[in-house]
Amino acid sequence: NVKFGFPYSNAYWEEEFGCSAEKVVELLEPFMIEERASKFSKIIENRIFDIVPVVEGLFDLGNVAAVCRTVEGLGIGSLHVITGDGTYKQSARTTQGSHKWLRTQYWESTTECLTAAKE
């Protein structure tokens, strides 16, 4: 059974990836200038956990990449994509690495997605 949306606690991140975001900054702090470490800490503190974006009907993969960049840029940690028949137009545009910071869940149908959201 798939967990829908956020928030995922630090316990989730520690179990899934081996450590929390705060711990990563703490471990890297000796190798960063103070301003950079402060910026990372501020970003982590300001993440948004109350919004769960769901997109459907995006045919152009460039649009999917744009949504990933926007969602990650806003500090939202998850994205749900309803793939439908899975037909997409190829695109040269990329997520520019933003997909690495998102938990993206793919759904085959709107019904499947909404059922999971209501649980």
N, C-alpha and C. Protein backbone atom coordinates (compact mmCIF):
# COMPACT_ATOMS: atom_id res chain seq x y z
N ASN A 1 0.84 -1.18 0.00
CA ASN A 1 0.00 0.00 0.00
C ASN A 1 0.88 1.24 0.00
N VAL A 2 0.60 2.19 -0.88
CA VAL A 2 1.41 3.38 -1.04
C VAL A 2 0.90 4.49 -0.15
N LYS A 3 1.82 5.14 0.56
CA LYS A 3 1.45 6.30 1.37
C LYS A 3 1.27 7.48 0.43
N PHE A 4 0.18 8.20 0.58
CA PHE A 4 -0.12 9.33 -0.30
C PHE A 4 0.39 10.62 0.32
N GLY A 5 1.18 11.36 -0.43
CA GLY A 5 1.56 12.71 -0.03
C GLY A 5 2.57 12.80 1.08
N PHE A 6 2.54 13.93 1.73
CA PHE A 6 3.42 14.26 2.83
C PHE A 6 2.56 14.50 4.05
N PRO A 7 3.06 14.65 5.25
CA PRO A 7 4.48 14.72 5.53
C PRO A 7 5.11 13.35 5.76
N TYR A 8 6.32 13.25 5.34
CA TYR A 8 7.16 12.11 5.70
C TYR A 8 8.07 12.61 6.79
N SER A 9 8.08 11.95 7.90
CA SER A 9 8.88 12.39 9.04
C SER A 9 10.36 12.12 8.77
N ASN A 10 11.20 12.67 9.64
CA ASN A 10 12.62 12.36 9.54
C ASN A 10 12.87 10.87 9.68
N ALA A 11 12.00 10.19 10.45
CA ALA A 11 12.14 8.73 10.59
C ALA A 11 12.01 8.06 9.23
N TYR A 12 11.07 8.56 8.39
CA TYR A 12 10.91 8.01 7.05
C TYR A 12 12.20 8.20 6.25
N TRP A 13 12.74 9.43 6.25
CA TRP A 13 13.94 9.71 5.47
C TRP A 13 15.13 8.91 5.98
N GLU A 14 15.21 8.74 7.30
CA GLU A 14 16.31 7.96 7.86
C GLU A 14 16.19 6.50 7.45
N GLU A 15 14.97 5.98 7.44
CA GLU A 15 14.75 4.58 7.04
C GLU A 15 14.98 4.41 5.54
N GLU A 16 14.44 5.32 4.75
CA GLU A 16 14.50 5.21 3.29
C GLU A 16 15.88 5.52 2.73
N PHE A 17 16.54 6.57 3.25
CA PHE A 17 17.79 7.04 2.67
C PHE A 17 18.99 6.97 3.61
N GLY A 18 18.78 6.57 4.84
CA GLY A 18 19.88 6.39 5.77
C GLY A 18 20.15 7.56 6.69
N CYS A 19 19.59 8.74 6.41
CA CYS A 19 19.73 9.86 7.33
C CYS A 19 18.79 10.99 6.95
N SER A 20 18.58 11.89 7.89
CA SER A 20 17.68 13.03 7.66
C SER A 20 18.43 14.12 6.90
N ALA A 21 17.67 15.08 6.35
CA ALA A 21 18.27 16.22 5.65
C ALA A 21 19.14 17.02 6.61
N GLU A 22 18.67 17.18 7.84
CA GLU A 22 19.44 17.92 8.83
C GLU A 22 20.79 17.26 9.10
N LYS A 23 20.78 15.93 9.14
CA LYS A 23 22.01 15.19 9.39
C LYS A 23 22.99 15.35 8.23
N VAL A 24 22.48 15.38 7.00
CA VAL A 24 23.34 15.59 5.83
C VAL A 24 24.04 16.94 5.94
N VAL A 25 23.29 17.99 6.28
CA VAL A 25 23.89 19.32 6.42
C VAL A 25 24.92 19.31 7.54
N GLU A 26 24.59 18.67 8.64
CA GLU A 26 25.52 18.59 9.77
C GLU A 26 26.83 17.92 9.36
N LEU A 27 26.73 16.84 8.60
CA LEU A 27 27.92 16.11 8.18
C LEU A 27 28.76 16.89 7.16
N LEU A 28 28.08 17.68 6.32
CA LEU A 28 28.79 18.45 5.30
C LEU A 28 29.27 19.82 5.78
N GLU A 29 28.77 20.26 6.91
CA GLU A 29 29.07 21.60 7.43
C GLU A 29 30.57 21.91 7.50
N PRO A 30 31.41 20.99 7.93
CA PRO A 30 32.85 21.31 7.98
C PRO A 30 33.45 21.62 6.61
N PHE A 31 32.78 21.22 5.53
CA PHE A 31 33.31 21.41 4.19
C PHE A 31 32.67 22.60 3.47
N MET A 32 31.78 23.32 4.16
CA MET A 32 31.08 24.45 3.55
C MET A 32 31.40 25.73 4.29
N ILE A 33 31.29 26.84 3.56
CA ILE A 33 31.40 28.11 4.25
C ILE A 33 30.12 28.31 5.05
N GLU A 34 30.20 29.14 6.09
CA GLU A 34 29.08 29.31 7.02
C GLU A 34 27.80 29.75 6.31
N GLU A 35 27.92 30.65 5.34
CA GLU A 35 26.74 31.15 4.61
C GLU A 35 26.01 30.01 3.89
N ARG A 36 26.76 29.12 3.28
CA ARG A 36 26.17 28.00 2.53
C ARG A 36 25.45 27.05 3.48
N ALA A 37 26.07 26.70 4.59
CA ALA A 37 25.44 25.82 5.57
C ALA A 37 24.17 26.45 6.12
N SER A 38 24.22 27.74 6.38
CA SER A 38 23.05 28.46 6.88
C SER A 38 21.92 28.44 5.86
N LYS A 39 22.27 28.62 4.58
CA LYS A 39 21.27 28.60 3.52
C LYS A 39 20.59 27.23 3.44
N PHE A 40 21.37 26.15 3.49
CA PHE A 40 20.80 24.80 3.47
C PHE A 40 19.87 24.58 4.66
N SER A 41 20.30 24.99 5.83
CA SER A 41 19.47 24.82 7.03
C SER A 41 18.15 25.58 6.90
N LYS A 42 18.22 26.79 6.36
CA LYS A 42 17.02 27.60 6.17
C LYS A 42 16.05 26.94 5.18
N ILE A 43 16.60 26.39 4.10
CA ILE A 43 15.77 25.70 3.11
C ILE A 43 15.06 24.50 3.75
N ILE A 44 15.78 23.74 4.52
CA ILE A 44 15.20 22.56 5.19
C ILE A 44 14.09 22.98 6.14
N GLU A 45 14.31 24.05 6.89
CA GLU A 45 13.30 24.54 7.84
C GLU A 45 12.03 25.04 7.15
N ASN A 46 12.17 25.55 5.93
CA ASN A 46 11.03 26.16 5.24
C ASN A 46 10.33 25.26 4.23
N ARG A 47 10.63 23.97 4.26
CA ARG A 47 9.96 23.06 3.34
C ARG A 47 8.46 23.04 3.63
N ILE A 48 7.69 22.80 2.58
CA ILE A 48 6.23 22.79 2.68
C ILE A 48 5.75 21.34 2.69
N PHE A 49 4.97 20.99 3.70
CA PHE A 49 4.48 19.62 3.82
C PHE A 49 2.96 19.53 3.73
N ASP A 50 2.28 20.67 3.56
CA ASP A 50 0.82 20.67 3.57
C ASP A 50 0.20 20.64 2.19
N ILE A 51 1.00 20.70 1.15
CA ILE A 51 0.49 20.71 -0.22
C ILE A 51 0.99 19.47 -0.94
N VAL A 52 0.07 18.78 -1.61
CA VAL A 52 0.44 17.60 -2.38
C VAL A 52 -0.05 17.80 -3.82
N PRO A 53 0.84 18.24 -4.72
CA PRO A 53 0.41 18.45 -6.10
C PRO A 53 0.16 17.13 -6.83
N VAL A 54 -0.91 17.12 -7.61
CA VAL A 54 -1.26 15.98 -8.46
C VAL A 54 -1.45 16.53 -9.87
N VAL A 55 -0.76 15.96 -10.84
CA VAL A 55 -0.92 16.39 -12.23
C VAL A 55 -1.45 15.24 -13.07
N GLU A 56 -2.25 15.61 -14.05
CA GLU A 56 -2.85 14.62 -14.93
C GLU A 56 -2.94 15.20 -16.33
N GLY A 57 -2.79 14.35 -17.32
CA GLY A 57 -2.98 14.77 -18.70
C GLY A 57 -1.82 15.54 -19.29
N LEU A 58 -0.64 15.44 -18.69
CA LEU A 58 0.53 16.11 -19.27
C LEU A 58 1.13 15.18 -20.31
N PHE A 59 1.01 15.55 -21.56
CA PHE A 59 1.46 14.74 -22.69
C PHE A 59 2.93 14.97 -22.99
N ASP A 60 3.38 16.22 -22.82
CA ASP A 60 4.76 16.61 -23.15
C ASP A 60 5.64 16.39 -21.91
N LEU A 61 6.66 15.56 -22.05
CA LEU A 61 7.56 15.30 -20.92
C LEU A 61 8.25 16.58 -20.43
N GLY A 62 8.38 17.56 -21.30
CA GLY A 62 8.94 18.85 -20.88
C GLY A 62 8.06 19.53 -19.85
N ASN A 63 6.75 19.36 -19.97
CA ASN A 63 5.84 19.93 -18.98
C ASN A 63 5.95 19.20 -17.65
N VAL A 64 6.14 17.89 -17.70
CA VAL A 64 6.34 17.13 -16.47
C VAL A 64 7.62 17.61 -15.79
N ALA A 65 8.68 17.82 -16.57
CA ALA A 65 9.95 18.31 -16.02
C ALA A 65 9.76 19.70 -15.41
N ALA A 66 8.98 20.56 -16.07
CA ALA A 66 8.72 21.91 -15.54
C ALA A 66 7.98 21.85 -14.21
N VAL A 67 7.02 20.95 -14.11
CA VAL A 67 6.29 20.79 -12.84
C VAL A 67 7.25 20.32 -11.75
N CYS A 68 8.13 19.37 -12.07
CA CYS A 68 9.12 18.90 -11.09
C CYS A 68 9.98 20.06 -10.59
N ARG A 69 10.46 20.88 -11.51
CA ARG A 69 11.32 22.01 -11.12
C ARG A 69 10.55 22.99 -10.23
N THR A 70 9.31 23.27 -10.59
CA THR A 70 8.51 24.23 -9.82
C THR A 70 8.20 23.70 -8.44
N VAL A 71 7.77 22.45 -8.36
CA VAL A 71 7.42 21.83 -7.08
C VAL A 71 8.63 21.81 -6.15
N GLU A 72 9.77 21.40 -6.68
CA GLU A 72 10.98 21.35 -5.87
C GLU A 72 11.41 22.75 -5.47
N GLY A 73 11.31 23.70 -6.38
CA GLY A 73 11.69 25.09 -6.10
C GLY A 73 10.85 25.73 -5.02
N LEU A 74 9.60 25.30 -4.90
CA LEU A 74 8.71 25.82 -3.86
C LEU A 74 8.90 25.12 -2.52
N GLY A 75 9.75 24.11 -2.49
CA GLY A 75 10.02 23.41 -1.24
C GLY A 75 9.01 22.32 -0.94
N ILE A 76 8.25 21.92 -1.94
CA ILE A 76 7.27 20.84 -1.76
C ILE A 76 7.99 19.53 -2.02
N GLY A 77 7.77 18.54 -1.18
CA GLY A 77 8.57 17.33 -1.23
C GLY A 77 8.03 16.17 -2.03
N SER A 78 6.80 16.29 -2.54
CA SER A 78 6.26 15.15 -3.29
C SER A 78 5.44 15.64 -4.48
N LEU A 79 5.28 14.75 -5.43
CA LEU A 79 4.51 15.03 -6.63
C LEU A 79 3.84 13.73 -7.05
N HIS A 80 2.57 13.83 -7.42
CA HIS A 80 1.83 12.67 -7.90
C HIS A 80 1.46 12.90 -9.36
N VAL A 81 1.80 11.94 -10.20
CA VAL A 81 1.57 12.04 -11.64
C VAL A 81 0.63 10.93 -12.07
N ILE A 82 -0.51 11.31 -12.65
CA ILE A 82 -1.44 10.32 -13.19
C ILE A 82 -1.04 10.13 -14.65
N THR A 83 -0.56 8.93 -14.97
CA THR A 83 0.04 8.67 -16.27
C THR A 83 -0.97 8.32 -17.35
N GLY A 84 -2.14 7.85 -16.97
CA GLY A 84 -3.13 7.45 -17.98
C GLY A 84 -2.58 6.32 -18.83
N ASP A 85 -2.60 6.51 -20.14
CA ASP A 85 -2.13 5.45 -21.04
C ASP A 85 -0.61 5.43 -21.19
N GLY A 86 0.08 6.39 -20.58
CA GLY A 86 1.54 6.39 -20.60
C GLY A 86 2.14 6.91 -21.89
N THR A 87 1.36 7.52 -22.75
CA THR A 87 1.86 8.08 -24.01
C THR A 87 2.38 9.49 -23.77
N TYR A 88 3.64 9.71 -24.10
CA TYR A 88 4.25 11.01 -23.89
C TYR A 88 5.02 11.44 -25.13
N LYS A 89 5.10 12.75 -25.32
CA LYS A 89 5.94 13.34 -26.36
C LYS A 89 7.31 13.56 -25.74
N GLN A 90 8.36 13.11 -26.42
CA GLN A 90 9.72 13.30 -25.92
C GLN A 90 10.05 14.79 -25.90
N SER A 91 10.94 15.15 -25.00
CA SER A 91 11.30 16.55 -24.85
C SER A 91 12.77 16.65 -24.48
N ALA A 92 13.41 17.73 -24.96
CA ALA A 92 14.81 17.97 -24.61
C ALA A 92 14.94 18.67 -23.26
N ARG A 93 13.82 19.23 -22.77
CA ARG A 93 13.86 19.91 -21.47
C ARG A 93 14.03 18.87 -20.37
N THR A 94 14.73 19.24 -19.32
CA THR A 94 15.00 18.30 -18.24
C THR A 94 14.53 18.84 -16.90
N THR A 95 14.57 17.97 -15.91
CA THR A 95 14.21 18.38 -14.55
C THR A 95 15.34 19.16 -13.89
N GLN A 96 16.51 19.20 -14.52
CA GLN A 96 17.70 19.88 -13.99
C GLN A 96 18.04 19.40 -12.59
N GLY A 97 17.82 18.12 -12.34
CA GLY A 97 18.17 17.52 -11.06
C GLY A 97 17.11 17.62 -9.98
N SER A 98 16.04 18.38 -10.23
CA SER A 98 15.02 18.56 -9.19
C SER A 98 14.33 17.26 -8.83
N HIS A 99 14.25 16.32 -9.77
CA HIS A 99 13.60 15.05 -9.50
C HIS A 99 14.29 14.26 -8.38
N LYS A 100 15.57 14.52 -8.16
CA LYS A 100 16.30 13.81 -7.11
C LYS A 100 15.81 14.17 -5.72
N TRP A 101 15.17 15.34 -5.58
CA TRP A 101 14.74 15.83 -4.28
C TRP A 101 13.25 15.65 -4.05
N LEU A 102 12.58 15.02 -4.99
CA LEU A 102 11.14 14.81 -4.89
C LEU A 102 10.84 13.34 -4.74
N ARG A 103 9.78 13.05 -4.01
CA ARG A 103 9.24 11.69 -4.02
C ARG A 103 8.09 11.74 -5.01
N THR A 104 8.28 11.09 -6.15
CA THR A 104 7.28 11.11 -7.20
C THR A 104 6.56 9.77 -7.23
N GLN A 105 5.25 9.84 -7.15
CA GLN A 105 4.41 8.65 -7.20
C GLN A 105 3.62 8.69 -8.50
N TYR A 106 3.65 7.59 -9.24
CA TYR A 106 2.93 7.50 -10.51
C TYR A 106 1.68 6.65 -10.33
N TRP A 107 0.58 7.10 -10.92
CA TRP A 107 -0.70 6.42 -10.85
C TRP A 107 -1.20 6.17 -12.27
N GLU A 108 -1.83 5.04 -12.48
CA GLU A 108 -2.36 4.71 -13.80
C GLU A 108 -3.70 5.38 -14.06
N SER A 109 -4.44 5.70 -13.01
CA SER A 109 -5.77 6.29 -13.22
C SER A 109 -6.07 7.32 -12.12
N THR A 110 -6.99 8.21 -12.46
CA THR A 110 -7.44 9.21 -11.50
C THR A 110 -8.10 8.54 -10.31
N THR A 111 -8.91 7.52 -10.59
CA THR A 111 -9.60 6.80 -9.53
C THR A 111 -8.62 6.20 -8.53
N GLU A 112 -7.57 5.56 -9.04
CA GLU A 112 -6.55 4.96 -8.19
C GLU A 112 -5.88 6.01 -7.30
N CYS A 113 -5.56 7.15 -7.88
CA CYS A 113 -4.91 8.24 -7.15
C CYS A 113 -5.83 8.80 -6.06
N LEU A 114 -7.07 9.10 -6.44
CA LEU A 114 -8.00 9.69 -5.48
C LEU A 114 -8.38 8.71 -4.37
N THR A 115 -8.46 7.44 -4.69
CA THR A 115 -8.75 6.44 -3.67
C THR A 115 -7.65 6.43 -2.63
N ALA A 116 -6.40 6.46 -3.09
CA ALA A 116 -5.26 6.47 -2.16
C ALA A 116 -5.23 7.77 -1.35
N ALA A 117 -5.62 8.88 -1.95
CA ALA A 117 -5.62 10.17 -1.25
C ALA A 117 -6.65 10.20 -0.14
N LYS A 118 -7.75 9.50 -0.33
CA LYS A 118 -8.83 9.50 0.66
C LYS A 118 -8.55 8.58 1.83
N GLU A 119 -7.61 7.65 1.68
CA GLU A 119 -7.33 6.69 2.76
C GLU A 119 -6.64 7.34 3.93
